[in-house]
Amino acid sequence: TLPSAQLDFNLQPLLEQLDQHELSKFKSLLKALSLEAELQHIPQME
């Protein structure tokens, strides 16, 4: 994975250009990704 420093190089101006619909789509995508990452830390039961 990329270091987070490389990820936010110009995220702010990009986000400011999004309209409400795009922004909420982006937020729900982020939530889904972080939820997925959290779930990967939970050991699977057999």
PDB file of N, CA and C in Angstrom:
ATOM      1  N   THR A   1       0.833  -1.208   0.000  1.00  0.00           N
ATOM      2  CA  THR A   1       0.000   0.000   0.000  1.00  0.00           C
ATOM      3  C   THR A   1       0.868   1.259   0.000  1.00  0.00           C
ATOM      4  N   LEU A   2       0.267   2.336  -0.442  1.00  0.00           N
ATOM      5  CA  LEU A   2       0.982   3.607  -0.488  1.00  0.00           C
ATOM      6  C   LEU A   2       1.017   4.255   0.885  1.00  0.00           C
ATOM      7  N   PRO A   3       2.115   4.921   1.222  1.00  0.00           N
ATOM      8  CA  PRO A   3       2.114   5.721   2.446  1.00  0.00           C
ATOM      9  C   PRO A   3       1.063   6.826   2.336  1.00  0.00           C
ATOM     10  N   SER A   4       0.407   7.152   3.451  1.00  0.00           N
ATOM     11  CA  SER A   4      -0.699   8.108   3.396  1.00  0.00           C
ATOM     12  C   SER A   4      -0.237   9.491   2.930  1.00  0.00           C
ATOM     13  N   ALA A   5       1.029   9.804   3.124  1.00  0.00           N
ATOM     14  CA  ALA A   5       1.551  11.096   2.677  1.00  0.00           C
ATOM     15  C   ALA A   5       1.391  11.255   1.159  1.00  0.00           C
ATOM     16  N   GLN A   6       1.547  10.162   0.428  1.00  0.00           N
ATOM     17  CA  GLN A   6       1.394  10.230  -1.024  1.00  0.00           C
ATOM     18  C   GLN A   6      -0.072  10.332  -1.427  1.00  0.00           C
ATOM     19  N   LEU A   7      -0.962   9.779  -0.589  1.00  0.00           N
ATOM     20  CA  LEU A   7      -2.374   9.776  -0.917  1.00  0.00           C
ATOM     21  C   LEU A   7      -2.998  11.172  -0.866  1.00  0.00           C
ATOM     22  N   ASP A   8      -2.602  11.983   0.128  1.00  0.00           N
ATOM     23  CA  ASP A   8      -3.289  13.269   0.292  1.00  0.00           C
ATOM     24  C   ASP A   8      -2.557  14.425  -0.379  1.00  0.00           C
ATOM     25  N   PHE A   9      -1.770  14.153  -1.410  1.00  0.00           N
ATOM     26  CA  PHE A   9      -0.996  15.203  -2.065  1.00  0.00           C
ATOM     27  C   PHE A   9      -1.875  16.345  -2.587  1.00  0.00           C
ATOM     28  N   ASN A  10      -3.000  16.019  -3.249  1.00  0.00           N
ATOM     29  CA  ASN A  10      -3.932  17.097  -3.602  1.00  0.00           C
ATOM     30  C   ASN A  10      -5.375  16.626  -3.513  1.00  0.00           C
ATOM     31  N   LEU A  11      -5.670  15.908  -2.449  1.00  0.00           N
ATOM     32  CA  LEU A  11      -7.027  15.412  -2.223  1.00  0.00           C
ATOM     33  C   LEU A  11      -7.988  16.551  -1.897  1.00  0.00           C
ATOM     34  N   GLN A  12      -7.522  17.503  -1.117  1.00  0.00           N
ATOM     35  CA  GLN A  12      -8.381  18.619  -0.704  1.00  0.00           C
ATOM     36  C   GLN A  12      -9.011  19.372  -1.885  1.00  0.00           C
ATOM     37  N   PRO A  13      -8.208  19.868  -2.855  1.00  0.00           N
ATOM     38  CA  PRO A  13      -8.831  20.563  -3.990  1.00  0.00           C
ATOM     39  C   PRO A  13      -9.748  19.659  -4.808  1.00  0.00           C
ATOM     40  N   LEU A  14      -9.407  18.378  -4.892  1.00  0.00           N
ATOM     41  CA  LEU A  14     -10.280  17.442  -5.609  1.00  0.00           C
ATOM     42  C   LEU A  14     -11.632  17.322  -4.926  1.00  0.00           C
ATOM     43  N   LEU A  15     -11.607  17.169  -3.598  1.00  0.00           N
ATOM     44  CA  LEU A  15     -12.848  17.028  -2.840  1.00  0.00           C
ATOM     45  C   LEU A  15     -13.696  18.287  -2.918  1.00  0.00           C
ATOM     46  N   GLU A  16     -13.058  19.438  -2.961  1.00  0.00           N
ATOM     47  CA  GLU A  16     -13.800  20.701  -3.028  1.00  0.00           C
ATOM     48  C   GLU A  16     -14.540  20.860  -4.351  1.00  0.00           C
ATOM     49  N   GLN A  17     -14.088  20.134  -5.377  1.00  0.00           N
ATOM     50  CA  GLN A  17     -14.745  20.232  -6.679  1.00  0.00           C
ATOM     51  C   GLN A  17     -15.974  19.320  -6.807  1.00  0.00           C
ATOM     52  N   LEU A  18     -16.096  18.362  -5.884  1.00  0.00           N
ATOM     53  CA  LEU A  18     -17.220  17.436  -5.963  1.00  0.00           C
ATOM     54  C   LEU A  18     -18.529  18.112  -5.560  1.00  0.00           C
ATOM     55  N   ASP A  19     -19.627  17.691  -6.219  1.00  0.00           N
ATOM     56  CA  ASP A  19     -20.929  18.172  -5.769  1.00  0.00           C
ATOM     57  C   ASP A  19     -21.429  17.289  -4.616  1.00  0.00           C
ATOM     58  N   GLN A  20     -22.572  17.638  -4.039  1.00  0.00           N
ATOM     59  CA  GLN A  20     -23.094  16.904  -2.880  1.00  0.00           C
ATOM     60  C   GLN A  20     -23.243  15.409  -3.150  1.00  0.00           C
ATOM     61  N   HIS A  21     -23.776  15.079  -4.308  1.00  0.00           N
ATOM     62  CA  HIS A  21     -24.010  13.674  -4.658  1.00  0.00           C
ATOM     63  C   HIS A  21     -22.699  12.902  -4.724  1.00  0.00           C
ATOM     64  N   GLU A  22     -21.719  13.473  -5.412  1.00  0.00           N
ATOM     65  CA  GLU A  22     -20.407  12.824  -5.548  1.00  0.00           C
ATOM     66  C   GLU A  22     -19.725  12.701  -4.184  1.00  0.00           C
ATOM     67  N   LEU A  23     -19.876  13.752  -3.368  1.00  0.00           N
ATOM     68  CA  LEU A  23     -19.258  13.767  -2.060  1.00  0.00           C
ATOM     69  C   LEU A  23     -19.841  12.681  -1.159  1.00  0.00           C
ATOM     70  N   SER A  24     -21.154  12.525  -1.172  1.00  0.00           N
ATOM     71  CA  SER A  24     -21.756  11.498  -0.327  1.00  0.00           C
ATOM     72  C   SER A  24     -21.425  10.098  -0.840  1.00  0.00           C
ATOM     73  N   LYS A  25     -21.276   9.965  -2.168  1.00  0.00           N
ATOM     74  CA  LYS A  25     -20.863   8.691  -2.746  1.00  0.00           C
ATOM     75  C   LYS A  25     -19.444   8.349  -2.282  1.00  0.00           C
ATOM     76  N   PHE A  26     -18.581   9.357  -2.288  1.00  0.00           N
ATOM     77  CA  PHE A  26     -17.198   9.201  -1.841  1.00  0.00           C
ATOM     78  C   PHE A  26     -17.138   8.806  -0.364  1.00  0.00           C
ATOM     79  N   LYS A  27     -17.969   9.482   0.455  1.00  0.00           N
ATOM     80  CA  LYS A  27     -17.989   9.190   1.883  1.00  0.00           C
ATOM     81  C   LYS A  27     -18.446   7.768   2.159  1.00  0.00           C
ATOM     82  N   SER A  28     -19.489   7.319   1.455  1.00  0.00           N
ATOM     83  CA  SER A  28     -19.977   5.964   1.703  1.00  0.00           C
ATOM     84  C   SER A  28     -18.966   4.926   1.233  1.00  0.00           C
ATOM     85  N   LEU A  29     -18.222   5.262   0.177  1.00  0.00           N
ATOM     86  CA  LEU A  29     -17.157   4.380  -0.291  1.00  0.00           C
ATOM     87  C   LEU A  29     -16.057   4.278   0.768  1.00  0.00           C
ATOM     88  N   LEU A  30     -15.693   5.414   1.353  1.00  0.00           N
ATOM     89  CA  LEU A  30     -14.692   5.427   2.421  1.00  0.00           C
ATOM     90  C   LEU A  30     -15.147   4.604   3.615  1.00  0.00           C
ATOM     91  N   LYS A  31     -16.431   4.777   3.997  1.00  0.00           N
ATOM     92  CA  LYS A  31     -16.971   4.015   5.120  1.00  0.00           C
ATOM     93  C   LYS A  31     -16.900   2.529   4.844  1.00  0.00           C
ATOM     94  N   ALA A  32     -17.267   2.129   3.631  1.00  0.00           N
ATOM     95  CA  ALA A  32     -17.235   0.719   3.258  1.00  0.00           C
ATOM     96  C   ALA A  32     -15.815   0.179   3.311  1.00  0.00           C
ATOM     97  N   LEU A  33     -14.855   0.964   2.834  1.00  0.00           N
ATOM     98  CA  LEU A  33     -13.460   0.533   2.846  1.00  0.00           C
ATOM     99  C   LEU A  33     -12.910   0.405   4.260  1.00  0.00           C
ATOM    100  N   SER A  34     -13.227   1.365   5.125  1.00  0.00           N
ATOM    101  CA  SER A  34     -12.709   1.304   6.485  1.00  0.00           C
ATOM    102  C   SER A  34     -13.387   0.188   7.270  1.00  0.00           C
ATOM    103  N   LEU A  35     -14.666  -0.059   6.977  1.00  0.00           N
ATOM    104  CA  LEU A  35     -15.361  -1.167   7.612  1.00  0.00           C
ATOM    105  C   LEU A  35     -14.735  -2.489   7.192  1.00  0.00           C
ATOM    106  N   GLU A  36     -14.435  -2.605   5.912  1.00  0.00           N
ATOM    107  CA  GLU A  36     -13.793  -3.801   5.380  1.00  0.00           C
ATOM    108  C   GLU A  36     -12.435  -4.022   6.046  1.00  0.00           C
ATOM    109  N   ALA A  37     -11.672  -2.957   6.214  1.00  0.00           N
ATOM    110  CA  ALA A  37     -10.364  -3.042   6.861  1.00  0.00           C
ATOM    111  C   ALA A  37     -10.505  -3.482   8.315  1.00  0.00           C
ATOM    112  N   GLU A  38     -11.527  -2.949   9.010  1.00  0.00           N
ATOM    113  CA  GLU A  38     -11.765  -3.343  10.397  1.00  0.00           C
ATOM    114  C   GLU A  38     -12.118  -4.814  10.492  1.00  0.00           C
ATOM    115  N   LEU A  39     -12.946  -5.275   9.572  1.00  0.00           N
ATOM    116  CA  LEU A  39     -13.378  -6.668   9.587  1.00  0.00           C
ATOM    117  C   LEU A  39     -12.219  -7.632   9.358  1.00  0.00           C
ATOM    118  N   GLN A  40     -11.214  -7.189   8.619  1.00  0.00           N
ATOM    119  CA  GLN A  40     -10.058  -8.040   8.354  1.00  0.00           C
ATOM    120  C   GLN A  40      -9.219  -8.268   9.616  1.00  0.00           C
ATOM    121  N   HIS A  41      -9.352  -7.369  10.610  1.00  0.00           N
ATOM    122  CA  HIS A  41      -8.588  -7.520  11.844  1.00  0.00           C
ATOM    123  C   HIS A  41      -9.235  -8.519  12.797  1.00  0.00           C
ATOM    124  N   ILE A  42     -10.506  -8.830  12.562  1.00  0.00           N
ATOM    125  CA  ILE A  42     -11.211  -9.783  13.402  1.00  0.00           C
ATOM    126  C   ILE A  42     -10.825 -11.203  12.976  1.00  0.00           C
ATOM    127  N   PRO A  43     -10.327 -12.004  13.916  1.00  0.00           N
ATOM    128  CA  PRO A  43      -9.979 -13.385  13.551  1.00  0.00           C
ATOM    129  C   PRO A  43     -11.226 -14.170  13.160  1.00  0.00           C
ATOM    130  N   GLN A  44     -11.113 -14.962  12.127  1.00  0.00           N
ATOM    131  CA  GLN A  44     -12.271 -15.723  11.667  1.00  0.00           C
ATOM    132  C   GLN A  44     -12.498 -16.941  12.540  1.00  0.00           C
ATOM    133  N   MET A  45     -13.763 -17.180  12.868  1.00  0.00           N
ATOM    134  CA  MET A  45     -14.130 -18.364  13.646  1.00  0.00           C
ATOM    135  C   MET A  45     -14.255 -19.547  12.682  1.00  0.00           C
ATOM    136  N   GLU A  46     -13.874 -20.713  13.124  1.00  0.00           N
ATOM    137  CA  GLU A  46     -13.988 -21.884  12.257  1.00  0.00           C
ATOM    138  C   GLU A  46     -15.356 -22.524  12.391  1.00  0.00           C
TER     139      GLU A  46
END
